Every structure is written in structure tokens, then in C-alpha cells.
Protein backbone atom coordinates (compact mmCIF):
# COMPACT_ATOMS: atom_id res chain seq x y z
CA MET A 1 -61.12 -19.41 -35.91
CA LYS A 2 -60.10 -22.93 -35.81
CA PRO A 3 -56.46 -23.49 -35.24
CA ASN A 4 -54.50 -24.75 -38.28
CA ILE A 5 -52.52 -28.16 -37.81
CA LEU A 6 -49.96 -29.28 -40.31
CA VAL A 7 -50.22 -32.95 -40.68
CA ILE A 8 -47.27 -34.75 -42.05
CA ALA A 9 -47.98 -38.37 -42.34
CA GLY A 10 -48.89 -41.47 -44.82
CA HIS A 11 -52.03 -42.22 -46.49
CA ASP A 12 -54.01 -45.37 -45.62
CA PRO A 13 -56.35 -46.63 -48.13
CA SER A 14 -58.38 -48.22 -45.52
CA GLY A 15 -59.36 -45.31 -43.51
CA GLY A 16 -58.64 -46.50 -40.40
CA ALA A 17 -55.27 -44.90 -39.82
CA GLY A 18 -52.67 -42.36 -41.13
CA ILE A 19 -53.75 -38.98 -42.64
CA HIS A 20 -57.58 -40.27 -42.40
CA ALA A 21 -57.45 -40.79 -38.58
CA ASP A 22 -55.09 -37.65 -38.22
CA ILE A 23 -58.14 -35.48 -39.83
CA GLU A 24 -60.84 -37.14 -38.43
CA ALA A 25 -59.36 -36.69 -34.63
CA ILE A 26 -58.20 -33.17 -35.19
CA HIS A 27 -61.53 -32.11 -37.00
CA SER A 28 -63.43 -33.71 -33.87
CA LEU A 29 -61.33 -31.71 -31.42
CA GLY A 30 -62.04 -28.45 -33.11
CA GLY A 31 -59.19 -27.91 -35.39
CA PHE A 32 -58.38 -27.97 -38.87
CA ALA A 33 -56.06 -30.22 -40.61
CA ALA A 34 -53.96 -29.47 -43.49
CA THR A 35 -51.99 -32.26 -45.21
CA LEU A 36 -48.59 -33.31 -46.60
CA ILE A 37 -48.84 -37.21 -47.63
CA THR A 38 -45.57 -38.59 -47.21
CA GLY A 39 -46.31 -42.26 -48.67
CA LEU A 40 -49.13 -44.16 -50.44
CA THR A 41 -49.70 -47.36 -48.71
CA VAL A 42 -50.99 -50.44 -49.72
CA GLN A 43 -53.11 -51.85 -46.37
CA ASN A 44 -56.08 -52.67 -44.80
CA SER A 45 -57.48 -53.24 -41.30
CA GLN A 46 -55.35 -56.49 -41.28
CA ASN A 47 -51.77 -55.39 -42.01
CA VAL A 48 -49.48 -53.38 -44.68
CA GLN A 49 -48.37 -54.75 -47.91
CA GLY A 50 -46.14 -52.29 -49.27
CA PHE A 51 -45.79 -48.67 -49.66
CA GLU A 52 -44.57 -45.76 -52.11
CA LEU A 53 -42.95 -42.57 -51.06
CA VAL A 54 -44.13 -39.13 -52.45
CA PRO A 55 -41.06 -37.63 -54.15
CA GLU A 56 -39.61 -34.63 -51.83
CA ALA A 57 -39.92 -32.12 -54.77
CA LEU A 58 -43.55 -32.65 -54.90
CA LEU A 59 -43.88 -32.39 -50.96
CA ALA A 60 -41.86 -29.27 -51.25
CA ARG A 61 -43.98 -27.53 -53.57
CA GLN A 62 -46.92 -28.55 -51.58
CA ALA A 63 -45.49 -27.02 -48.66
CA GLU A 64 -44.74 -23.90 -50.50
CA ALA A 65 -48.20 -23.47 -51.37
CA LEU A 66 -49.30 -24.16 -47.84
CA LEU A 67 -46.96 -21.68 -46.00
CA ASP A 68 -48.04 -18.91 -48.53
CA ASP A 69 -51.56 -19.30 -47.32
CA LEU A 70 -52.02 -20.74 -43.96
CA SER A 71 -50.25 -20.14 -40.45
CA PHE A 72 -50.13 -22.99 -37.96
CA SER A 73 -50.74 -23.43 -34.54
CA ALA A 74 -49.23 -27.03 -34.41
CA VAL A 75 -47.65 -29.86 -36.41
CA LYS A 76 -48.11 -33.66 -36.09
CA ILE A 77 -45.76 -36.00 -37.86
CA GLY A 78 -46.58 -39.59 -38.62
CA MET A 79 -45.15 -41.67 -41.17
CA THR A 80 -41.76 -40.35 -42.79
CA GLY A 81 -40.51 -43.43 -44.63
CA SER A 82 -37.02 -42.42 -45.45
CA PRO A 83 -33.68 -40.32 -44.47
CA ALA A 84 -34.40 -38.09 -47.58
CA VAL A 85 -38.11 -36.96 -46.46
CA ILE A 86 -37.14 -36.46 -43.21
CA ARG A 87 -34.30 -34.11 -43.89
CA PHE A 88 -36.84 -32.40 -45.96
CA ILE A 89 -39.52 -32.21 -43.00
CA ALA A 90 -36.64 -30.83 -40.64
CA SER A 91 -36.02 -28.11 -43.00
CA LEU A 92 -39.71 -27.11 -43.21
CA LEU A 93 -39.76 -27.37 -39.50
CA ASP A 94 -37.04 -24.84 -39.53
CA ARG A 95 -39.21 -22.29 -41.30
CA LEU A 96 -42.05 -22.73 -38.19
CA PRO A 97 -40.20 -21.54 -35.43
CA GLY A 98 -42.19 -21.74 -32.06
CA VAL A 99 -45.12 -23.82 -33.33
CA PRO A 100 -45.10 -27.07 -31.20
CA VAL A 101 -44.18 -30.46 -33.06
CA VAL A 102 -45.71 -33.60 -31.89
CA LEU A 103 -43.78 -36.71 -33.44
CA ASP A 104 -45.27 -40.18 -33.63
CA PRO A 105 -42.39 -41.75 -35.32
CA VAL A 106 -44.00 -44.56 -37.27
CA LEU A 107 -42.31 -47.22 -38.14
CA ALA A 108 -44.62 -49.86 -38.53
CA ALA A 109 -48.61 -50.49 -38.82
CA GLU A 110 -50.36 -51.67 -35.67
CA ALA A 111 -50.30 -55.35 -36.85
CA GLY A 112 -46.68 -55.10 -37.69
CA GLY A 113 -46.14 -54.37 -41.65
CA SER A 114 -43.38 -52.29 -42.19
CA LEU A 115 -43.51 -48.57 -42.89
CA SER A 116 -40.29 -47.48 -43.43
CA GLY A 117 -36.54 -48.28 -44.49
CA ASP A 118 -33.55 -49.46 -42.12
CA SER A 119 -31.96 -46.37 -42.31
CA VAL A 120 -34.82 -44.31 -40.90
CA PRO A 121 -34.55 -44.76 -37.14
CA GLU A 122 -31.10 -42.94 -36.77
CA ALA A 123 -32.61 -40.26 -39.32
CA VAL A 124 -35.74 -39.87 -36.78
CA LEU A 125 -33.28 -39.30 -34.01
CA ARG A 126 -30.69 -37.00 -35.57
CA GLU A 127 -33.42 -34.69 -37.33
CA LEU A 128 -36.78 -34.85 -35.83
CA MET A 129 -36.53 -35.92 -32.21
CA PRO A 130 -34.81 -32.34 -31.38
CA ARG A 131 -37.28 -30.29 -33.40
CA ALA A 132 -40.11 -31.76 -31.36
CA VAL A 133 -41.65 -30.73 -28.12
CA LEU A 134 -43.39 -34.49 -27.68
CA ALA A 135 -42.67 -37.80 -29.13
CA THR A 136 -45.25 -40.85 -28.76
CA PRO A 137 -43.85 -43.97 -29.80
CA ASN A 138 -45.25 -47.39 -28.73
CA LEU A 139 -42.83 -49.85 -27.24
CA PRO A 140 -41.66 -51.74 -30.01
CA GLU A 141 -40.89 -48.29 -31.80
CA ALA A 142 -39.06 -46.93 -28.83
CA GLN A 143 -36.96 -49.97 -29.01
CA ARG A 144 -36.25 -50.08 -32.46
CA LEU A 145 -35.23 -46.28 -32.29
CA VAL A 146 -32.46 -46.73 -29.72
CA GLY A 147 -31.70 -50.55 -29.95
CA THR A 148 -32.63 -51.67 -26.18
CA GLU A 149 -35.31 -53.51 -24.66
CA ASP A 150 -35.70 -51.88 -21.12
CA ILE A 151 -38.37 -49.37 -21.10
CA GLU A 152 -36.69 -46.79 -18.91
CA ALA A 153 -33.59 -46.82 -20.86
CA CYS A 154 -35.65 -46.29 -24.08
CA GLY A 155 -36.91 -43.10 -22.25
CA ALA A 156 -33.36 -41.88 -21.04
CA ARG A 157 -32.03 -42.43 -24.67
CA LEU A 158 -34.90 -40.79 -26.43
CA LEU A 159 -34.61 -37.77 -24.05
CA ALA A 160 -30.73 -37.54 -24.98
CA SER A 161 -31.67 -37.07 -28.50
CA GLY A 162 -33.13 -33.76 -28.00
CA CYS A 163 -36.75 -34.23 -27.49
CA PRO A 164 -38.04 -32.77 -24.06
CA ALA A 165 -40.91 -35.09 -23.50
CA VAL A 166 -41.35 -38.86 -24.45
CA LEU A 167 -44.47 -40.66 -24.36
CA ILE A 168 -43.91 -44.35 -24.46
CA THR A 169 -47.21 -46.16 -24.71
CA GLY A 170 -47.74 -49.52 -23.59
CA THR A 171 -50.63 -50.84 -25.97
CA HIS A 172 -48.20 -53.66 -27.25
CA ASP A 173 -47.37 -54.82 -23.96
CA ASP A 174 -48.56 -58.07 -22.48
CA THR A 175 -49.90 -56.77 -19.52
CA PRO A 176 -53.73 -56.71 -17.90
CA ALA A 177 -53.80 -52.96 -18.28
CA VAL A 178 -52.42 -50.66 -20.84
CA GLN A 179 -49.50 -48.47 -18.94
CA ASN A 180 -48.12 -45.25 -20.92
CA HIS A 181 -44.81 -43.54 -19.53
CA LEU A 182 -43.80 -40.37 -19.91
CA PHE A 183 -40.30 -39.37 -19.69
CA THR A 184 -38.88 -35.81 -19.15
CA ALA A 185 -35.69 -34.69 -17.67
CA ALA A 186 -37.71 -33.74 -14.44
CA GLU A 187 -39.60 -36.31 -13.84
CA GLN A 188 -41.00 -39.61 -14.98
CA GLN A 189 -45.29 -40.42 -14.80
CA SER A 190 -47.53 -43.02 -15.94
CA TRP A 191 -50.99 -43.65 -16.58
CA THR A 192 -53.06 -46.85 -16.29
CA TRP A 193 -55.70 -47.49 -18.64
CA PRO A 194 -57.92 -50.57 -18.88
CA ARG A 195 -56.77 -53.00 -21.85
CA LEU A 196 -59.73 -53.10 -23.72
CA PRO A 197 -60.58 -56.54 -25.75
CA GLY A 198 -59.38 -56.82 -29.43
CA THR A 199 -56.68 -54.78 -31.23
CA PHE A 200 -57.02 -51.31 -33.08
CA HIS A 201 -56.27 -49.84 -36.02
CA GLY A 202 -54.74 -46.03 -35.78
CA SER A 203 -54.86 -45.95 -32.28
CA GLY A 204 -51.16 -44.29 -32.39
CA CYS A 205 -52.04 -41.67 -34.84
CA THR A 206 -55.24 -40.62 -33.12
CA LEU A 207 -53.03 -40.27 -29.93
CA ALA A 208 -50.47 -37.95 -31.71
CA SER A 209 -52.92 -35.94 -33.36
CA ALA A 210 -55.15 -35.43 -30.17
CA CYS A 211 -52.21 -34.13 -28.56
CA ALA A 212 -51.39 -31.63 -31.56
CA ALA A 213 -55.20 -30.52 -31.23
CA PHE A 214 -55.10 -29.80 -27.86
CA LEU A 215 -51.51 -28.07 -28.07
CA ALA A 216 -52.90 -25.68 -30.98
CA GLN A 217 -55.75 -24.77 -28.58
CA GLY A 218 -53.18 -23.46 -26.20
CA GLN A 219 -53.30 -26.30 -23.62
CA THR A 220 -50.32 -26.95 -21.69
CA LEU A 221 -48.17 -30.16 -22.58
CA PRO A 222 -49.39 -31.97 -19.26
CA GLU A 223 -53.05 -30.66 -20.01
CA ALA A 224 -52.92 -32.05 -23.57
CA LEU A 225 -51.61 -35.51 -22.80
CA GLU A 226 -54.16 -35.63 -20.15
CA SER A 227 -57.10 -34.45 -22.39
CA ALA A 228 -55.57 -36.54 -25.60
CA GLN A 229 -55.18 -40.02 -23.34
CA GLU A 230 -59.00 -39.45 -22.14
CA TYR A 231 -60.20 -38.79 -25.80
CA VAL A 232 -58.26 -41.89 -27.36
CA HIS A 233 -59.78 -44.13 -24.55
CA GLN A 234 -63.22 -43.11 -25.42
CA SER A 235 -62.07 -43.44 -29.08
CA LEU A 236 -61.62 -46.93 -28.56
CA LEU A 237 -64.34 -47.79 -26.07
CA ASN A 238 -66.76 -47.03 -29.18
CA ALA A 239 -64.59 -48.45 -31.71
CA TRP A 240 -66.14 -50.71 -34.41
CA GLN A 241 -65.01 -52.98 -37.27
CA ALA A 242 -65.09 -51.86 -40.48
CA GLY A 243 -63.53 -55.00 -42.34
CA LYS A 244 -62.04 -58.25 -41.02
CA GLY A 245 -59.11 -57.02 -39.47
CA GLN A 246 -58.51 -54.49 -36.50
CA MET A 247 -61.36 -52.27 -34.70
CA ILE A 248 -61.48 -48.64 -36.07
CA PRO A 249 -61.26 -45.88 -33.20
CA GLU A 250 -64.73 -43.93 -33.23
CA ARG A 251 -62.89 -40.55 -33.53
CA ARG A 252 -66.03 -38.25 -32.23
CA PRO A 253 -66.26 -35.07 -30.44
CA PRO A 254 -65.87 -35.34 -26.59
CA GLU A 255 -69.03 -35.40 -24.63
CA ARG A 256 -69.66 -32.18 -22.97
CA ARG A 257 -71.15 -32.06 -19.49
CA PRO A 258 -73.57 -29.79 -18.79
CA GLN A 259 -72.48 -26.51 -17.27
CA ALA A 260 -74.57 -25.08 -14.03
CA ILE A 261 -76.90 -22.05 -14.57
CA GLU A 262 -75.87 -19.36 -12.38
CA PRO A 263 -79.18 -17.91 -10.73
């Protein structure tokens, strides 16, 4: 059976990010995504123009229906939108003990448009970070969450919030290459990837969902981080342009290398 992954995130009508990206990535990696849609956004491949949140009461009814039917091997969280939605998510996670949670603390679209209220960062730190095994903010999100610019200080403060592993991605840096920095209590580690031309819609969603998919399949956290970053890089290498804005990652199954045949 495919591992079931619960995705809690917003809907992007352009299809490049949010729930669309999560489902595509998880399916291409051999998982099955069940979804709770926290918000309906007004956006395209160029930017976000607004959003409306789904009432917590409806989310709770949907969650009851899912938990009555499915068991989950991982949870991926994206756009939350409000402290009330975050409190609902926290109470739901408490009903899934032992299930690894990957938190992509979405506060804005790749192009900069807001997807959260001003009080969301504090609620994310208090309610969701301690319940996650991995958080994957980009640098601007990490800076907004903890209120400091220095990446080392961001990593330390996010770890102090209770999440044991924080991967701060460098896609928004003005550097020749993309550097992703992992912070844990035991070590710091970084990965360097070629910076590809253009900008991309939904790369953060793709990364977090890939991490959740690999964890759901039983990979260790270090293995999942390696596999997910390789998957995202390949998705961006094959990206294409659907509209007038950012490129859309091509979330296809990883290429399988031929195995030697024993004589």
C-alpha cells in the first residue's frame, strides 16, 4: 500500500503551489495525499492578491471524516493563515502521536504576497514548531518568525522553539549558488546547489512535501533531506512556464537507475 500523508495547506488556483504542488510531489514519490485546505487564495504565477480562510469548524468536520477512515504515515503543513487555524492544527496533531510532521511555515508567496496575518509567526512558534520533526522555512520566513536577520541566530532561535531540525533554504539569497542550512542540536550542515536562472512557483511546497513523502516511506531524517533536495533540484531543472510569471517545477517521479542483473 502507498503511505498516506495528511497535507494541511492552502489552495493556489494557478496550480503551481500549495495543495496542487503537495499532491503532485507526494504522488510522484509514491505516496497518497489526503488534504485539509486551510485557505482559498487569489493568486497566479505572478503573485498573491488575497485569501480567505476556511472556517475551523469545517476543517474539524473534515478531519474527523479522515481520521475515521485513514491512518497516516506523515503530516505536511503549509499555509495556516491565522492563530485560530493553527490552534486547530495543533489539537489535530496531538491525535496523531508518533507521526512525523514536516512544517513549511508559509507566510508569503515566492513572489512576496502575504499569506498570513501579523499574529501568525508567534502562533507558529508556540503551537506548531514543538510538534514538528522538521521545519523548512526560507530565509525571509525564518527572519520573520524570530525577528532577526542573521541566519545563525535564526537557526538557534527556531531550535529553541522546540523543533529538533530546521532547514533554512537559501533560494531567496542574492548569492551565486543556493545554500540550504540545516540546524540541529548536534550539528550544523549545509548543501550547495547551482542557482538556476529564473524564479519558481511552489519550490518550498515541493521540498516540504518531498521530505514528508520520504519520511512516510521509512527513510531517516538525514536520508529524507538528501532525497528531497535532489528531487527538488531535478524538478526545477525541468521547470516550465504556464503563465506570465514564475516557472512551475516539473514534479515527475525520480529517474530510476538500471540495476545490474546477477548472473
